[in-house]
Each structure stands twice: as C-alpha cells, then as structure tokens.
Amino acid sequence: MSTSPGKRGAASSLEYYKNVLPRFGAEVVESFSLPSFNENFDVENHKITDEILLLGLNDVVSNFEQELQE
C-alpha cells in the first residue's frame, strides 16, 4: 500500500517495490495506491472518504485474504 498528497499516490514507489523488494521466494500478491491523501482520507475518523477508493481497498484486502488461504 502506498499513498501521497499527489494524484499518483506514490504509485512509482509502489511499482519499484513490487518489482525489487520480493526476495527469497516472496511474492507481492496485491497492492493498493491511495492518491491525494489529504483529500481522500479523514484523519480524525481514520478512514478513506472516497467510496470508490474504499471499495478498491476492500477488494484488494479480500483478494489478499484469499491468497493466504490457498
């Protein structure tokens, strides 16, 4: 997962780590980038405010959980 105040949500950093970080047989099975953090995250309530982004995160977490069970 990555985020930033910009519109790309640290997507470049996320891509780098997805391709470089896995070592010793590790595999990155899911990833999520949250763009425009200051606009899409409510710091006081600790939640994503954009419904589409929240659905995307929930989907990624669900897929990750399924991967763990296989």
Protein backbone atom coordinates (compact mmCIF):
# COMPACT_ATOMS: atom_id res chain seq x y z
CA MET A 1 0.00 0.00 0.00
CA SER A 2 1.22 3.48 -0.81
CA THR A 3 -0.12 6.98 -0.53
CA SER A 4 0.97 10.55 -1.08
CA PRO A 5 -0.57 14.00 -1.28
CA GLY A 6 -0.25 13.83 -5.07
CA LYS A 7 -2.63 12.36 -7.65
CA ARG A 8 -0.48 9.28 -8.29
CA GLY A 9 -0.49 8.13 -4.66
CA ALA A 10 3.19 7.17 -4.68
CA ALA A 11 2.44 4.72 -7.49
CA SER A 12 6.02 4.95 -8.79
CA SER A 13 7.41 3.90 -5.42
CA LEU A 14 4.88 1.12 -5.16
CA GLU A 15 5.82 -0.24 -8.59
CA TYR A 16 9.50 -0.12 -7.68
CA TYR A 17 8.99 -2.12 -4.50
CA LYS A 18 6.69 -4.62 -6.21
CA ASN A 19 9.47 -5.38 -8.68
CA VAL A 20 12.56 -5.08 -6.46
CA LEU A 21 11.54 -5.95 -2.92
CA PRO A 22 10.38 -9.57 -3.18
CA ARG A 23 13.31 -11.76 -2.22
CA PHE A 24 13.87 -15.33 -1.11
CA GLY A 25 10.81 -16.58 -2.99
CA ALA A 26 8.46 -13.88 -1.69
CA GLU A 27 5.64 -12.72 -3.93
CA VAL A 28 3.66 -9.48 -3.88
CA VAL A 29 0.11 -10.68 -4.50
CA GLU A 30 -1.77 -7.40 -4.11
CA SER A 31 -1.11 -3.68 -3.95
CA PHE A 32 -3.09 -0.52 -3.43
CA SER A 33 -2.29 3.14 -4.06
CA LEU A 34 -4.28 5.89 -2.35
CA PRO A 35 -3.94 9.15 -4.31
CA SER A 36 -4.43 12.67 -2.94
CA PHE A 37 -4.22 11.55 0.67
CA ASN A 38 -5.30 14.90 2.12
CA GLU A 39 -8.49 14.85 0.04
CA ASN A 40 -9.35 11.15 0.26
CA PHE A 41 -8.62 10.31 3.90
CA ASP A 42 -10.33 11.58 7.04
CA VAL A 43 -7.54 11.79 9.61
CA GLU A 44 -9.89 12.30 12.55
CA ASN A 45 -12.03 9.24 11.75
CA HIS A 46 -9.16 7.17 10.30
CA LYS A 47 -10.97 6.20 7.10
CA ILE A 48 -10.94 6.61 3.36
CA THR A 49 -13.64 9.08 2.34
CA ASP A 50 -13.85 8.31 -1.40
CA GLU A 51 -16.27 5.39 -1.84
CA ILE A 52 -14.64 4.04 -4.99
CA LEU A 53 -11.18 4.03 -3.40
CA LEU A 54 -12.59 2.37 -0.29
CA LEU A 55 -14.21 -0.34 -2.43
CA GLY A 56 -10.86 -0.79 -4.19
CA LEU A 57 -9.03 -1.21 -0.90
CA ASN A 58 -11.64 -3.67 0.38
CA ASP A 59 -11.30 -5.68 -2.84
CA VAL A 60 -7.51 -5.79 -2.53
CA VAL A 61 -7.72 -6.91 1.11
CA SER A 62 -10.28 -9.58 0.21
CA ASN A 63 -8.09 -10.89 -2.61
CA PHE A 64 -5.08 -10.91 -0.29
CA GLU A 65 -7.01 -12.92 2.31
CA GLN A 66 -7.98 -15.45 -0.37
CA GLU A 67 -4.35 -15.79 -1.43
CA LEU A 68 -3.38 -16.58 2.17
CA GLN A 69 -5.89 -19.41 2.30
CA GLU A 70 -4.60 -21.13 -0.84
